[in-house]
């Protein structure tokens, strides 16, 4: 008996790596949080230059590194 194409494809795929999926999810959350601070600065709720200086600059670089 043969499996339908979707079940055969699913059986052939290797299992997902939970730690890698978690790291990807955290990277996306981190990017969203940084961009939220950038948006807050753009709308005038944070002082100009806040998102490009200090710990937020380091945070942005660290996030970009995770995507490379």
Protein backbone atom coordinates (compact mmCIF):
# COMPACT_ATOMS: atom_id res chain seq x y z
CA UNK A 1 0.00 0.00 0.00
CA UNK A 2 1.40 3.42 -0.93
CA UNK A 3 0.94 6.58 1.06
CA UNK A 4 -0.63 9.69 -0.46
CA UNK A 5 1.92 12.27 -1.63
CA UNK A 6 1.55 14.55 1.40
CA UNK A 7 2.05 11.73 3.90
CA UNK A 8 5.02 10.37 1.95
CA UNK A 9 6.61 13.84 1.87
CA UNK A 10 6.08 14.27 5.61
CA UNK A 11 7.60 10.87 6.35
CA UNK A 12 10.68 11.68 4.23
CA UNK A 13 11.40 15.01 5.97
CA UNK A 14 13.85 15.03 8.87
CA UNK A 15 12.42 16.01 12.28
CA UNK A 16 12.39 19.68 13.30
CA UNK A 17 15.06 20.90 15.71
CA UNK A 18 13.23 22.56 18.59
CA UNK A 19 16.21 24.59 19.80
CA UNK A 20 16.76 26.05 16.34
CA UNK A 21 13.06 26.92 15.99
CA UNK A 22 13.17 28.60 19.41
CA UNK A 23 16.25 30.63 18.43
CA UNK A 24 14.53 31.77 15.23
CA UNK A 25 11.43 32.78 17.15
CA UNK A 26 13.47 34.76 19.67
CA UNK A 27 15.33 36.51 16.84
CA UNK A 28 12.03 37.56 15.28
CA UNK A 29 10.69 38.83 18.62
CA UNK A 30 13.93 40.74 19.21
CA UNK A 31 13.71 42.35 15.77
CA UNK A 32 10.11 43.36 16.36
CA UNK A 33 10.98 44.89 19.75
CA UNK A 34 13.86 46.90 18.27
CA UNK A 35 11.71 48.15 15.42
CA UNK A 36 9.04 49.13 17.93
CA UNK A 37 11.60 51.36 19.70
CA UNK A 38 12.60 52.82 16.32
CA UNK A 39 8.94 53.54 15.55
CA UNK A 40 8.47 55.17 18.95
CA UNK A 41 11.42 57.44 18.21
CA UNK A 42 10.06 58.23 14.72
CA UNK A 43 6.67 59.21 16.18
CA UNK A 44 8.31 61.46 18.78
CA UNK A 45 7.75 59.37 21.91
CA UNK A 46 11.51 58.83 22.37
CA UNK A 47 14.28 61.39 22.03
CA UNK A 48 15.85 61.67 18.55
CA UNK A 49 18.81 59.32 18.14
CA UNK A 50 17.71 56.92 20.88
CA UNK A 51 17.45 53.88 18.59
CA UNK A 52 20.89 54.53 17.05
CA UNK A 53 22.91 55.00 20.25
CA UNK A 54 23.81 53.20 23.44
CA UNK A 55 22.48 49.76 24.24
CA UNK A 56 19.88 49.89 21.45
CA UNK A 57 22.67 50.20 18.88
CA UNK A 58 24.35 47.10 20.32
CA UNK A 59 20.97 45.34 20.48
CA UNK A 60 20.33 46.13 16.80
CA UNK A 61 23.75 44.78 15.77
CA UNK A 62 23.25 41.61 17.79
CA UNK A 63 19.84 41.04 16.18
CA UNK A 64 21.27 41.60 12.69
CA UNK A 65 24.00 39.08 13.45
CA UNK A 66 21.44 36.39 14.24
CA UNK A 67 19.94 36.81 10.78
CA UNK A 68 23.29 36.44 9.05
